[in-house]
C-alpha atoms as a PDB file:
ATOM      1  CA  MET A   1       2.671  -8.615  28.122  1.00  0.00           C
ATOM      2  CA  THR A   2       4.322 -11.964  27.515  1.00  0.00           C
ATOM      3  CA  ASP A   3       7.078 -12.479  24.941  1.00  0.00           C
ATOM      4  CA  LEU A   4       4.618 -14.334  22.705  1.00  0.00           C
ATOM      5  CA  GLU A   5       2.051 -11.534  22.918  1.00  0.00           C
ATOM      6  CA  PHE A   6       4.740  -8.987  22.090  1.00  0.00           C
ATOM      7  CA  MET A   7       5.891 -10.957  19.062  1.00  0.00           C
ATOM      8  CA  ASP A   8       2.313 -11.361  17.788  1.00  0.00           C
ATOM      9  CA  ARG A   9       1.564  -7.635  18.134  1.00  0.00           C
ATOM     10  CA  ALA A  10       4.956  -6.574  16.777  1.00  0.00           C
ATOM     11  CA  GLU A  11       4.612  -8.884  13.762  1.00  0.00           C
ATOM     12  CA  GLN A  12       1.223  -7.293  13.007  1.00  0.00           C
ATOM     13  CA  LEU A  13       2.879  -3.867  13.119  1.00  0.00           C
ATOM     14  CA  LEU A  14       5.687  -4.868  10.739  1.00  0.00           C
ATOM     15  CA  LEU A  15       3.204  -6.439   8.313  1.00  0.00           C
ATOM     16  CA  ALA A  16       1.114  -3.256   8.389  1.00  0.00           C
ATOM     17  CA  VAL A  17       4.229  -1.212   7.547  1.00  0.00           C
ATOM     18  CA  GLU A  18       5.020  -3.511   4.609  1.00  0.00           C
ATOM     19  CA  ARG A  19       1.415  -3.422   3.349  1.00  0.00           C
ATOM     20  CA  GLY A  20       1.446   0.367   3.688  1.00  0.00           C
ATOM     21  CA  CYS A  21       4.528   0.568   1.475  1.00  0.00           C
ATOM     22  CA  ASP A  22       2.865  -1.633  -1.146  1.00  0.00           C
ATOM     23  CA  ARG A  23      -0.294   0.499  -1.086  1.00  0.00           C
ATOM     24  CA  ILE A  24       1.712   3.749  -1.322  1.00  0.00           C
ATOM     25  CA  ASN A  25       3.613   2.424  -4.334  1.00  0.00           C
ATOM     26  CA  ASP A  26       0.333   1.373  -6.000  1.00  0.00           C
ATOM     27  CA  ASP A  27      -1.538   4.613  -5.247  1.00  0.00           C
ATOM     28  CA  THR A  28       1.139   7.318  -5.579  1.00  0.00           C
ATOM     29  CA  ASP A  29       4.173   8.193  -7.644  1.00  0.00           C
ATOM     30  CA  CYS A  30       6.397   7.913  -4.564  1.00  0.00           C
ATOM     31  CA  ASP A  31       9.325   5.568  -5.132  1.00  0.00           C
ATOM     32  CA  LEU A  32       9.317   3.812  -1.761  1.00  0.00           C
ATOM     33  CA  ASP A  33      11.242   0.583  -1.310  1.00  0.00           C
ATOM     34  CA  SER A  34      10.787  -1.649   1.711  1.00  0.00           C
ATOM     35  CA  GLN A  35      13.083  -4.466   2.690  1.00  0.00           C
ATOM     36  CA  ARG A  36      12.508  -6.833   5.574  1.00  0.00           C
ATOM     37  CA  THR A  37      15.219  -8.722   7.401  1.00  0.00           C
ATOM     38  CA  GLY A  38      13.941 -10.652  10.408  1.00  0.00           C
ATOM     39  CA  GLY A  39      12.494  -8.160  12.876  1.00  0.00           C
ATOM     40  CA  MET A  40      13.550  -5.089  10.908  1.00  0.00           C
ATOM     41  CA  VAL A  41      11.935  -3.208   8.015  1.00  0.00           C
ATOM     42  CA  THR A  42      13.962  -0.610   6.131  1.00  0.00           C
ATOM     43  CA  LEU A  43      12.091   1.983   4.061  1.00  0.00           C
ATOM     44  CA  SER A  44      14.241   3.629   1.396  1.00  0.00           C
ATOM     45  CA  PHE A  45      13.202   6.806  -0.409  1.00  0.00           C
ATOM     46  CA  ALA A  46      14.248   8.223  -3.799  1.00  0.00           C
ATOM     47  CA  ASN A  47      16.378  10.880  -2.049  1.00  0.00           C
ATOM     48  CA  GLN A  48      18.479   8.068  -0.492  1.00  0.00           C
ATOM     49  CA  SER A  49      17.077   8.650   3.007  1.00  0.00           C
ATOM     50  CA  GLN A  50      15.791   5.755   5.089  1.00  0.00           C
ATOM     51  CA  ILE A  51      13.445   4.954   7.940  1.00  0.00           C
ATOM     52  CA  ILE A  52      14.254   1.844   9.949  1.00  0.00           C
ATOM     53  CA  VAL A  53      11.695   0.064  12.113  1.00  0.00           C
ATOM     54  CA  ASN A  54      13.024  -2.747  14.272  1.00  0.00           C
ATOM     55  CA  LEU A  55      11.966  -4.882  17.198  1.00  0.00           C
ATOM     56  CA  GLN A  56      13.647  -4.729  20.576  1.00  0.00           C
ATOM     57  CA  LYS A  57      12.419  -8.065  21.919  1.00  0.00           C
ATOM     58  CA  PRO A  58      13.995  -7.956  25.399  1.00  0.00           C
ATOM     59  CA  LEU A  59      12.389  -4.555  26.057  1.00  0.00           C
ATOM     60  CA  HIS A  60       9.058  -5.364  24.347  1.00  0.00           C
ATOM     61  CA  GLU A  61       9.524  -2.226  22.260  1.00  0.00           C
ATOM     62  CA  VAL A  62       9.489  -1.236  18.605  1.00  0.00           C
ATOM     63  CA  TRP A  63      12.083   1.338  17.626  1.00  0.00           C
ATOM     64  CA  MET A  64      11.960   3.704  14.669  1.00  0.00           C
ATOM     65  CA  ALA A  65      14.900   5.677  13.310  1.00  0.00           C
ATOM     66  CA  ALA A  66      14.149   8.514  10.878  1.00  0.00           C
ATOM     67  CA  ARG A  67      15.753  11.794   9.864  1.00  0.00           C
ATOM     68  CA  SER A  68      13.681  13.477  12.564  1.00  0.00           C
ATOM     69  CA  GLY A  69      15.145  11.257  15.305  1.00  0.00           C
ATOM     70  CA  GLY A  70      14.879   7.962  17.119  1.00  0.00           C
ATOM     71  CA  TYR A  71      11.665   6.759  18.767  1.00  0.00           C
ATOM     72  CA  HIS A  72      10.768   3.910  21.134  1.00  0.00           C
ATOM     73  CA  TYR A  73       7.223   2.506  21.228  1.00  0.00           C
ATOM     74  CA  ARG A  74       5.436   0.217  23.677  1.00  0.00           C
ATOM     75  CA  PHE A  75       2.028  -1.332  23.223  1.00  0.00           C
ATOM     76  CA  ASP A  76      -0.446   0.246  25.664  1.00  0.00           C
ATOM     77  CA  GLY A  77      -3.212  -2.321  25.186  1.00  0.00           C
ATOM     78  CA  GLY A  78      -4.631  -0.570  22.130  1.00  0.00           C
ATOM     79  CA  GLN A  79      -1.855   1.207  20.247  1.00  0.00           C
ATOM     80  CA  TRP A  80       1.919   1.494  20.015  1.00  0.00           C
ATOM     81  CA  ARG A  81       2.850   4.675  21.909  1.00  0.00           C
ATOM     82  CA  ASP A  82       6.143   6.560  22.086  1.00  0.00           C
ATOM     83  CA  THR A  83       7.683   6.104  25.521  1.00  0.00           C
ATOM     84  CA  LYS A  84       8.594   9.815  25.794  1.00  0.00           C
ATOM     85  CA  THR A  85       5.802  11.752  24.080  1.00  0.00           C
ATOM     86  CA  GLY A  86       2.913   9.279  23.980  1.00  0.00           C
ATOM     87  CA  SER A  87       2.470   9.834  20.242  1.00  0.00           C
ATOM     88  CA  GLU A  88       1.126   6.928  18.182  1.00  0.00           C
ATOM     89  CA  PHE A  89       3.470   4.877  15.964  1.00  0.00           C
ATOM     90  CA  PHE A  90       1.564   5.052  12.664  1.00  0.00           C
ATOM     91  CA  ALA A  91       0.991   8.809  13.011  1.00  0.00           C
ATOM     92  CA  ASP A  92       4.726   9.299  13.605  1.00  0.00           C
ATOM     93  CA  LEU A  93       5.644   6.982  10.719  1.00  0.00           C
ATOM     94  CA  SER A  94       3.258   8.843   8.384  1.00  0.00           C
ATOM     95  CA  ARG A  95       4.760  12.183   9.397  1.00  0.00           C
ATOM     96  CA  ALA A  96       8.364  11.017   8.993  1.00  0.00           C
ATOM     97  CA  ALA A  97       7.663   9.254   5.670  1.00  0.00           C
ATOM     98  CA  SER A  98       5.860  12.339   4.338  1.00  0.00           C
ATOM     99  CA  GLU A  99       8.824  14.537   5.267  1.00  0.00           C
ATOM    100  CA  GLN A 100      11.364  12.177   3.726  1.00  0.00           C
ATOM    101  CA  GLY A 101       9.226  11.266   0.701  1.00  0.00           C
ATOM    102  CA  GLY A 102       8.336  14.855  -0.173  1.00  0.00           C
ATOM    103  CA  GLN A 103       4.593  14.193  -0.301  1.00  0.00           C
ATOM    104  CA  ALA A 104       1.745  13.179   1.998  1.00  0.00           C
ATOM    105  CA  LEU A 105       2.123   9.461   2.804  1.00  0.00           C
ATOM    106  CA  GLN A 106      -0.266   7.667   5.115  1.00  0.00           C
ATOM    107  CA  PHE A 107       0.383   4.506   7.139  1.00  0.00           C
ATOM    108  CA  ALA A 108      -2.255   2.761   9.255  1.00  0.00           C
ATOM    109  CA  PRO A 109      -2.462  -0.330  11.475  1.00  0.00           C
END
């Protein structure tokens, strides 16, 4: 994957995270705040916990930090997959956000 391809795919991922936050706020009573700074999106929950998603451009990876741990994802040609477990980014984000938000929250590409 070239740097340009990575940035295109990674930008799509960050936009999907932001749109997911907007949809969750519209459809649920979850108080979820998202703030974007460059290649990083910070999700803040009512209980003061956070999930941080940021780009690691030199490695062509997307990293996520949540209460449950830190995760590194690479694009496999179809999805962003964790480099250790192979789990899919949006499934992991949904799980972590649900745990930290105290209710079922769903993110999708």
